[in-house]
Amino acid sequence: MDFGKIIKEARIRQGMSQAQLAEKIGYTQRSILYWEKGKRRMTLESADKVFKALHLSVVIGEEKQDD
């Protein structure tokens, strides 16, 4: 899963600049740029802030349905 692509698409869809997102979550615009380009990995704390700011959720694994 490409979190950088997800973040960038959600941010743009919401009409938010990298600078606006950075200010909203208390990080630098450069951090947002690096995450979106996949040059740096987010910590769980930063991912939580970004996803909350963009109103996104992540499902890690799904419960398998019996057929």
N, C-alpha and C. Protein backbone atom coordinates (compact mmCIF):
# COMPACT_ATOMS: atom_id res chain seq x y z
N MET A 1 0.86 -1.18 0.00
CA MET A 1 0.00 0.00 0.00
C MET A 1 0.90 1.24 0.00
N ASP A 2 0.62 2.14 -0.91
CA ASP A 2 1.42 3.35 -1.04
C ASP A 2 0.77 4.49 -0.25
N PHE A 3 1.18 4.64 1.00
CA PHE A 3 0.59 5.67 1.86
C PHE A 3 0.83 7.07 1.31
N GLY A 4 2.00 7.29 0.70
CA GLY A 4 2.30 8.60 0.15
C GLY A 4 1.29 9.02 -0.91
N LYS A 5 0.96 8.09 -1.78
CA LYS A 5 -0.03 8.36 -2.84
C LYS A 5 -1.41 8.61 -2.24
N ILE A 6 -1.76 7.84 -1.24
CA ILE A 6 -3.06 8.00 -0.57
C ILE A 6 -3.15 9.37 0.09
N ILE A 7 -2.08 9.76 0.78
CA ILE A 7 -2.06 11.06 1.45
C ILE A 7 -2.17 12.19 0.44
N LYS A 8 -1.38 12.12 -0.60
CA LYS A 8 -1.38 13.19 -1.62
C LYS A 8 -2.75 13.32 -2.27
N GLU A 9 -3.35 12.20 -2.68
CA GLU A 9 -4.65 12.24 -3.34
C GLU A 9 -5.73 12.78 -2.40
N ALA A 10 -5.72 12.36 -1.15
CA ALA A 10 -6.71 12.83 -0.19
C ALA A 10 -6.53 14.32 0.08
N ARG A 11 -5.28 14.74 0.23
CA ARG A 11 -4.99 16.15 0.49
C ARG A 11 -5.47 17.02 -0.67
N ILE A 12 -5.17 16.63 -1.88
CA ILE A 12 -5.57 17.40 -3.06
C ILE A 12 -7.09 17.39 -3.21
N ARG A 13 -7.70 16.24 -2.99
CA ARG A 13 -9.17 16.12 -3.09
C ARG A 13 -9.86 17.07 -2.12
N GLN A 14 -9.22 17.33 -0.98
CA GLN A 14 -9.80 18.21 0.03
C GLN A 14 -9.36 19.67 -0.16
N GLY A 15 -8.61 19.93 -1.24
CA GLY A 15 -8.18 21.30 -1.53
C GLY A 15 -7.17 21.84 -0.54
N MET A 16 -6.35 20.95 0.00
CA MET A 16 -5.39 21.34 1.02
C MET A 16 -3.97 21.29 0.44
N SER A 17 -3.18 22.31 0.72
CA SER A 17 -1.79 22.32 0.28
C SER A 17 -0.94 21.53 1.28
N GLN A 18 0.28 21.22 0.86
CA GLN A 18 1.20 20.55 1.78
C GLN A 18 1.45 21.43 3.00
N ALA A 19 1.58 22.73 2.77
CA ALA A 19 1.84 23.66 3.88
C ALA A 19 0.66 23.68 4.85
N GLN A 20 -0.55 23.65 4.33
CA GLN A 20 -1.74 23.67 5.19
C GLN A 20 -1.83 22.39 6.02
N LEU A 21 -1.57 21.26 5.40
CA LEU A 21 -1.59 19.99 6.13
C LEU A 21 -0.50 19.99 7.20
N ALA A 22 0.68 20.44 6.83
CA ALA A 22 1.80 20.48 7.78
C ALA A 22 1.45 21.34 8.99
N GLU A 23 0.87 22.50 8.75
CA GLU A 23 0.50 23.38 9.85
C GLU A 23 -0.57 22.74 10.73
N LYS A 24 -1.51 22.07 10.10
CA LYS A 24 -2.61 21.44 10.84
C LYS A 24 -2.12 20.34 11.79
N ILE A 25 -1.07 19.62 11.38
CA ILE A 25 -0.60 18.50 12.21
C ILE A 25 0.67 18.81 12.99
N GLY A 26 1.23 20.00 12.79
CA GLY A 26 2.41 20.40 13.56
C GLY A 26 3.73 19.83 13.03
N TYR A 27 3.80 19.56 11.75
CA TYR A 27 5.03 19.10 11.12
C TYR A 27 5.43 20.09 10.04
N THR A 28 6.56 19.85 9.39
CA THR A 28 7.02 20.76 8.34
C THR A 28 6.45 20.33 6.99
N GLN A 29 6.41 21.31 6.08
CA GLN A 29 5.98 21.00 4.71
C GLN A 29 6.91 19.98 4.08
N ARG A 30 8.19 20.07 4.41
CA ARG A 30 9.17 19.12 3.87
C ARG A 30 8.85 17.69 4.30
N SER A 31 8.35 17.52 5.53
CA SER A 31 7.95 16.18 5.99
C SER A 31 6.84 15.64 5.11
N ILE A 32 5.85 16.47 4.84
CA ILE A 32 4.73 16.05 3.99
C ILE A 32 5.25 15.66 2.62
N LEU A 33 6.12 16.48 2.05
CA LEU A 33 6.72 16.20 0.74
C LEU A 33 7.43 14.86 0.75
N TYR A 34 8.27 14.62 1.74
CA TYR A 34 9.01 13.36 1.82
C TYR A 34 8.07 12.16 1.96
N TRP A 35 7.04 12.28 2.78
CA TRP A 35 6.10 11.17 2.95
C TRP A 35 5.36 10.88 1.65
N GLU A 36 4.91 11.93 0.98
CA GLU A 36 4.17 11.74 -0.26
C GLU A 36 5.03 11.12 -1.35
N LYS A 37 6.31 11.46 -1.39
CA LYS A 37 7.21 10.92 -2.40
C LYS A 37 7.82 9.58 -1.98
N GLY A 38 7.54 9.15 -0.76
CA GLY A 38 8.07 7.88 -0.27
C GLY A 38 9.54 7.93 0.09
N LYS A 39 10.07 9.14 0.34
CA LYS A 39 11.48 9.28 0.68
C LYS A 39 11.73 9.07 2.17
N ARG A 40 10.71 9.20 2.97
CA ARG A 40 10.81 8.97 4.41
C ARG A 40 9.57 8.20 4.86
N ARG A 41 9.75 7.43 5.89
CA ARG A 41 8.63 6.69 6.47
C ARG A 41 8.04 7.49 7.62
N MET A 42 6.73 7.38 7.76
CA MET A 42 6.05 8.04 8.87
C MET A 42 6.14 7.16 10.11
N THR A 43 6.22 7.81 11.26
CA THR A 43 6.07 7.07 12.51
C THR A 43 4.58 6.79 12.69
N LEU A 44 4.24 5.93 13.60
CA LEU A 44 2.82 5.68 13.87
C LEU A 44 2.14 6.95 14.36
N GLU A 45 2.85 7.73 15.15
CA GLU A 45 2.29 8.98 15.67
C GLU A 45 2.00 9.96 14.53
N SER A 46 2.95 10.13 13.62
CA SER A 46 2.73 11.06 12.51
C SER A 46 1.65 10.54 11.56
N ALA A 47 1.64 9.24 11.30
CA ALA A 47 0.61 8.66 10.44
C ALA A 47 -0.78 8.88 11.05
N ASP A 48 -0.88 8.71 12.36
CA ASP A 48 -2.15 8.93 13.04
C ASP A 48 -2.62 10.37 12.85
N LYS A 49 -1.72 11.33 13.01
CA LYS A 49 -2.08 12.74 12.86
C LYS A 49 -2.49 13.06 11.43
N VAL A 50 -1.73 12.56 10.46
CA VAL A 50 -2.03 12.82 9.05
C VAL A 50 -3.38 12.22 8.67
N PHE A 51 -3.59 10.97 9.02
CA PHE A 51 -4.84 10.31 8.63
C PHE A 51 -6.05 10.94 9.32
N LYS A 52 -5.90 11.35 10.57
CA LYS A 52 -7.00 12.04 11.24
C LYS A 52 -7.29 13.38 10.59
N ALA A 53 -6.24 14.13 10.24
CA ALA A 53 -6.40 15.43 9.62
C ALA A 53 -7.09 15.32 8.27
N LEU A 54 -6.85 14.21 7.58
CA LEU A 54 -7.45 14.01 6.25
C LEU A 54 -8.72 13.17 6.30
N HIS A 55 -9.15 12.81 7.52
CA HIS A 55 -10.36 12.00 7.73
C HIS A 55 -10.28 10.67 6.99
N LEU A 56 -9.13 10.01 7.14
CA LEU A 56 -8.90 8.71 6.51
C LEU A 56 -8.76 7.66 7.60
N SER A 57 -9.01 6.42 7.23
CA SER A 57 -8.78 5.33 8.17
C SER A 57 -8.05 4.21 7.42
N VAL A 58 -7.36 3.39 8.18
CA VAL A 58 -6.60 2.28 7.62
C VAL A 58 -7.08 1.00 8.27
N VAL A 59 -7.30 -0.01 7.45
CA VAL A 59 -7.64 -1.34 7.97
C VAL A 59 -6.43 -2.22 7.72
N ILE A 60 -5.89 -2.77 8.80
CA ILE A 60 -4.73 -3.65 8.68
C ILE A 60 -5.23 -5.07 8.88
N GLY A 61 -5.32 -5.76 7.77
CA GLY A 61 -5.86 -7.11 7.79
C GLY A 61 -7.37 -7.09 7.91
N GLU A 62 -7.98 -8.08 7.39
CA GLU A 62 -9.43 -8.20 7.48
C GLU A 62 -9.78 -9.58 7.99
N GLU A 63 -10.86 -9.66 8.69
CA GLU A 63 -11.32 -10.94 9.17
C GLU A 63 -11.87 -11.73 8.00
N LYS A 64 -11.40 -12.94 7.85
CA LYS A 64 -11.83 -13.79 6.74
C LYS A 64 -13.24 -14.31 7.00
N GLN A 65 -14.06 -14.18 6.00
CA GLN A 65 -15.44 -14.67 6.08
C GLN A 65 -15.49 -16.14 5.72
N ASP A 66 -16.24 -16.95 6.47
CA ASP A 66 -16.45 -18.36 6.12
C ASP A 66 -17.48 -18.43 5.00
N ASP A 67 -17.20 -19.25 4.01
CA ASP A 67 -18.15 -19.41 2.89
C ASP A 67 -19.14 -20.50 3.14
